[in-house]
N, C-alpha and C. Protein backbone atom coordinates (compact mmCIF):
# COMPACT_ATOMS: atom_id res chain seq x y z
N MET A 1 -67.04 53.06 -39.01
CA MET A 1 -67.70 52.98 -37.45
C MET A 1 -68.60 52.85 -37.70
N THR A 2 -68.86 51.63 -36.12
CA THR A 2 -69.66 50.73 -35.62
C THR A 2 -70.44 51.29 -34.98
N GLU A 3 -71.98 50.63 -35.77
CA GLU A 3 -72.62 51.43 -33.73
C GLU A 3 -73.19 50.51 -33.02
N VAL A 4 -73.04 51.37 -31.80
CA VAL A 4 -73.32 50.31 -30.24
C VAL A 4 -74.70 50.69 -30.27
N TYR A 5 -74.63 49.24 -30.38
CA TYR A 5 -76.60 49.28 -29.58
C TYR A 5 -76.98 48.48 -28.52
N GLU A 6 -77.41 49.16 -27.46
CA GLU A 6 -77.43 48.49 -26.22
C GLU A 6 -79.41 47.73 -26.03
N GLU A 7 -79.06 46.56 -25.72
CA GLU A 7 -80.16 46.18 -25.38
C GLU A 7 -81.00 46.57 -24.61
N PRO A 8 -83.11 46.26 -24.93
CA PRO A 8 -83.47 47.62 -24.31
C PRO A 8 -83.86 46.95 -22.65
N THR A 9 -84.42 46.98 -21.67
CA THR A 9 -84.31 46.85 -20.37
C THR A 9 -85.67 46.74 -20.55
N ARG A 10 -85.52 45.22 -20.18
CA ARG A 10 -87.34 44.98 -19.33
C ARG A 10 -87.46 45.40 -18.15
N ILE A 11 -88.84 45.87 -17.93
CA ILE A 11 -89.24 46.24 -17.03
C ILE A 11 -90.24 45.20 -16.48
N VAL A 12 -90.61 44.37 -16.97
CA VAL A 12 -92.20 43.61 -15.88
C VAL A 12 -92.44 42.71 -17.01
N THR A 13 -92.63 41.57 -17.03
CA THR A 13 -92.90 40.34 -17.61
C THR A 13 -94.40 40.11 -16.89
N HIS A 14 -95.66 39.88 -17.88
CA HIS A 14 -96.97 39.59 -17.27
C HIS A 14 -97.41 37.91 -17.89
N TYR A 15 -98.14 37.38 -17.62
CA TYR A 15 -98.50 36.16 -17.93
C TYR A 15 -99.86 36.59 -17.48
N PHE A 16 -100.60 36.40 -18.73
CA PHE A 16 -102.43 36.14 -18.58
C PHE A 16 -102.69 34.69 -19.72
N ASP A 17 -104.17 34.20 -19.38
CA ASP A 17 -104.38 33.13 -19.64
C ASP A 17 -105.23 32.89 -20.75
N ASN A 18 -105.61 34.72 -21.33
CA ASN A 18 -106.09 34.59 -22.47
C ASN A 18 -105.21 35.69 -23.31
N LEU A 19 -105.77 35.34 -24.25
CA LEU A 19 -105.46 36.55 -25.52
C LEU A 19 -105.88 37.75 -25.69
N ALA A 20 -107.46 37.73 -24.90
CA ALA A 20 -107.58 38.88 -25.24
C ALA A 20 -107.62 39.98 -23.78
N ASP A 21 -106.98 39.31 -22.82
CA ASP A 21 -106.41 39.93 -21.73
C ASP A 21 -104.52 40.52 -22.58
N ALA A 22 -103.94 39.87 -22.85
CA ALA A 22 -102.58 39.81 -23.52
C ALA A 22 -103.20 40.94 -24.87
N VAL A 23 -103.79 41.11 -25.63
CA VAL A 23 -104.11 41.92 -25.90
C VAL A 23 -104.18 43.65 -25.44
N GLU A 24 -104.91 43.64 -24.31
CA GLU A 24 -105.20 44.79 -23.25
C GLU A 24 -104.40 45.48 -23.13
N ALA A 25 -102.72 44.49 -22.82
CA ALA A 25 -101.80 45.09 -22.30
C ALA A 25 -100.73 45.24 -23.14
N LEU A 26 -100.58 44.80 -24.74
CA LEU A 26 -100.40 45.28 -25.39
C LEU A 26 -100.73 46.35 -25.90
N GLU A 27 -102.09 47.08 -26.32
CA GLU A 27 -102.51 48.22 -26.07
C GLU A 27 -101.77 49.48 -24.88
N ALA A 28 -102.03 49.01 -23.76
CA ALA A 28 -101.44 49.74 -23.19
C ALA A 28 -100.06 50.05 -23.34
N THR A 29 -99.20 49.52 -23.67
CA THR A 29 -97.91 49.19 -24.26
C THR A 29 -97.50 50.49 -25.04
N GLU A 30 -98.76 50.43 -25.92
CA GLU A 30 -98.33 51.11 -26.97
C GLU A 30 -98.89 52.75 -27.16
N ARG A 31 -99.53 53.17 -26.13
CA ARG A 31 -100.06 54.04 -25.49
C ARG A 31 -99.10 54.70 -25.07
N LEU A 32 -98.31 54.16 -24.11
CA LEU A 32 -97.21 54.26 -23.20
C LEU A 32 -95.45 54.75 -24.34
N SER A 33 -95.94 54.76 -25.37
CA SER A 33 -94.53 54.28 -26.29
C SER A 33 -93.21 53.31 -25.52
N LEU A 34 -94.11 52.10 -25.03
CA LEU A 34 -92.93 51.41 -24.82
C LEU A 34 -92.47 49.94 -25.69
N GLY A 35 -91.62 49.14 -25.61
CA GLY A 35 -91.06 48.42 -26.44
C GLY A 35 -92.01 46.75 -25.26
N VAL A 36 -92.35 45.94 -26.33
CA VAL A 36 -92.94 44.49 -25.59
C VAL A 36 -92.71 43.85 -26.75
N ARG A 37 -92.59 42.30 -26.61
CA ARG A 37 -92.16 41.10 -26.54
C ARG A 37 -93.46 40.34 -26.24
N LEU A 38 -94.37 39.73 -27.09
CA LEU A 38 -95.16 38.45 -27.08
C LEU A 38 -95.49 37.41 -27.42
N HIS A 39 -95.51 36.51 -26.10
CA HIS A 39 -95.37 35.41 -27.13
C HIS A 39 -96.03 34.45 -26.21
N ASN A 40 -96.39 32.85 -26.68
CA ASN A 40 -97.98 31.60 -25.73
C ASN A 40 -96.60 30.90 -25.94
N ARG A 41 -97.41 30.07 -24.96
CA ARG A 41 -96.55 29.08 -24.25
C ARG A 41 -97.31 27.89 -24.00
N THR A 42 -96.96 26.68 -23.29
CA THR A 42 -98.13 26.00 -22.97
C THR A 42 -97.01 25.65 -21.19
N THR A 43 -98.15 25.01 -20.71
CA THR A 43 -97.57 24.22 -18.95
C THR A 43 -98.54 23.76 -18.86
N PRO A 44 -97.48 22.66 -17.96
CA PRO A 44 -98.77 22.07 -17.45
C PRO A 44 -99.60 22.19 -16.27
N GLU A 45 -100.17 21.82 -16.47
CA GLU A 45 -101.42 22.21 -15.23
C GLU A 45 -102.60 20.57 -14.24
N THR A 46 -102.76 21.02 -12.99
CA THR A 46 -102.86 19.50 -12.78
C THR A 46 -104.50 20.12 -12.78
N ASP A 47 -105.72 19.21 -13.06
CA ASP A 47 -107.07 19.05 -13.47
C ASP A 47 -107.31 18.89 -11.76
N SER A 48 -108.92 18.75 -11.82
CA SER A 48 -109.52 19.00 -10.99
C SER A 48 -109.84 17.70 -10.55
N ASP A 49 -109.64 17.03 -10.95
CA ASP A 49 -109.32 15.18 -10.99
C ASP A 49 -108.49 14.69 -10.51
N GLY A 50 -106.96 15.68 -10.81
CA GLY A 50 -106.36 15.10 -10.75
C GLY A 50 -104.68 14.73 -11.46
N SER A 51 -105.64 14.75 -12.84
CA SER A 51 -104.69 14.56 -14.12
C SER A 51 -104.74 15.47 -14.70
N GLU A 52 -102.88 15.29 -15.13
CA GLU A 52 -102.34 16.48 -15.57
C GLU A 52 -102.71 17.32 -17.28
N ILE A 53 -102.99 18.28 -17.23
CA ILE A 53 -103.29 18.88 -18.90
C ILE A 53 -102.34 20.39 -18.97
N LEU A 54 -102.32 20.29 -20.06
CA LEU A 54 -101.30 21.17 -20.56
C LEU A 54 -102.54 23.21 -20.74
N ALA A 55 -101.75 24.02 -20.71
CA ALA A 55 -102.89 25.13 -20.74
C ALA A 55 -101.78 25.90 -21.49
N GLU A 56 -102.50 26.83 -22.12
CA GLU A 56 -102.11 27.89 -22.64
C GLU A 56 -101.59 29.02 -21.99
N GLU A 57 -100.75 29.64 -21.82
CA GLU A 57 -100.58 31.19 -21.44
C GLU A 57 -100.16 32.02 -22.66
N TRP A 58 -99.99 33.38 -22.13
CA TRP A 58 -99.63 34.64 -23.02
C TRP A 58 -98.85 35.23 -22.24
N VAL A 59 -97.41 35.17 -22.64
CA VAL A 59 -96.51 36.29 -22.33
C VAL A 59 -96.43 37.44 -22.61
N VAL A 60 -96.17 38.12 -22.26
CA VAL A 60 -96.24 39.46 -22.41
C VAL A 60 -94.71 40.48 -21.61
N GLU A 61 -93.71 40.47 -22.55
CA GLU A 61 -92.18 41.36 -21.64
C GLU A 61 -92.60 42.68 -22.55
N VAL A 62 -92.70 43.12 -21.01
CA VAL A 62 -92.64 45.06 -21.55
C VAL A 62 -91.39 45.55 -21.40
N TYR A 63 -90.80 46.75 -21.90
CA TYR A 63 -89.51 47.37 -22.03
C TYR A 63 -89.32 48.55 -22.31
N ASP A 64 -88.16 49.18 -21.59
CA ASP A 64 -87.99 50.74 -21.53
C ASP A 64 -87.69 51.37 -23.49
N ALA A 65 -87.85 50.27 -24.09
CA ALA A 65 -87.56 51.11 -26.18
C ALA A 65 -88.19 49.71 -26.51
N PRO A 66 -88.40 50.13 -27.65
CA PRO A 66 -88.83 48.92 -28.39
C PRO A 66 -87.41 47.76 -29.09
N PRO A 67 -87.99 46.64 -28.76
CA PRO A 67 -86.76 45.96 -29.17
C PRO A 67 -85.84 45.34 -30.68
N ILE A 68 -84.97 45.88 -31.11
CA ILE A 68 -84.57 45.98 -32.37
C ILE A 68 -84.36 44.46 -32.52
N GLU A 69 -84.77 44.57 -34.11
CA GLU A 69 -84.43 42.55 -34.35
C GLU A 69 -82.63 42.12 -35.37
N SER A 70 -82.61 41.29 -34.40
CA SER A 70 -81.47 40.71 -35.49
C SER A 70 -80.93 40.91 -36.24
N GLU A 71 -80.55 41.03 -37.36
CA GLU A 71 -80.37 40.57 -38.62
C GLU A 71 -80.57 39.17 -38.78
N GLU A 72 -80.41 38.44 -37.95
CA GLU A 72 -80.46 37.00 -37.83
C GLU A 72 -82.52 36.70 -37.96
N ASP A 73 -83.24 37.65 -37.61
CA ASP A 73 -84.33 36.81 -37.03
C ASP A 73 -85.00 37.60 -38.52
N GLU A 74 -84.60 38.61 -39.36
CA GLU A 74 -85.03 39.61 -40.40
C GLU A 74 -84.88 38.30 -41.13
N ASN A 75 -83.30 37.33 -41.86
CA ASN A 75 -83.48 36.97 -42.29
C ASN A 75 -84.75 35.16 -42.41
N SER A 76 -84.62 35.18 -41.07
CA SER A 76 -85.94 33.84 -41.08
C SER A 76 -86.98 34.63 -40.89
N GLU A 77 -86.90 35.40 -41.67
CA GLU A 77 -89.12 35.91 -41.51
C GLU A 77 -88.98 35.91 -43.68
N ASP A 78 -87.61 36.42 -43.69
CA ASP A 78 -87.76 36.09 -45.35
C ASP A 78 -87.38 35.28 -45.69
N ASP A 79 -87.96 33.86 -44.95
CA ASP A 79 -87.68 32.72 -45.31
C ASP A 79 -88.95 32.72 -45.70
N GLU A 80 -89.49 32.30 -44.80
CA GLU A 80 -90.32 32.24 -44.35
C GLU A 80 -92.07 32.82 -45.39
N SER A 81 -91.15 33.77 -45.54
CA SER A 81 -92.29 34.81 -46.74
C SER A 81 -92.22 34.23 -48.37
N ASP A 82 -91.13 33.48 -48.42
CA ASP A 82 -90.93 32.79 -50.09
C ASP A 82 -91.66 31.82 -49.71
N ASP A 83 -92.20 30.57 -49.06
CA ASP A 83 -92.57 29.47 -48.51
C ASP A 83 -94.16 29.60 -49.58
N ASP A 84 -94.64 31.24 -49.04
CA ASP A 84 -95.43 30.79 -49.72
C ASP A 84 -95.75 31.23 -52.02
């Protein structure tokens, strides 16, 4: 028998310029029993003097249910832990 898995639906994506605000959003999703994915990225921005800089931002994706890791994700985590 094959299990049918439906991907959770993304409700909203928030972008934060600091980790503290991203963590606050994570805590809110936990209280509401929602799913969440968190990652950071760098984006190019223009400084006040006109030079380009890279700014770090945190991305919080909120889902209607917790995302389920694929077998491939689990295997890559096992590989990383073997390196220790």
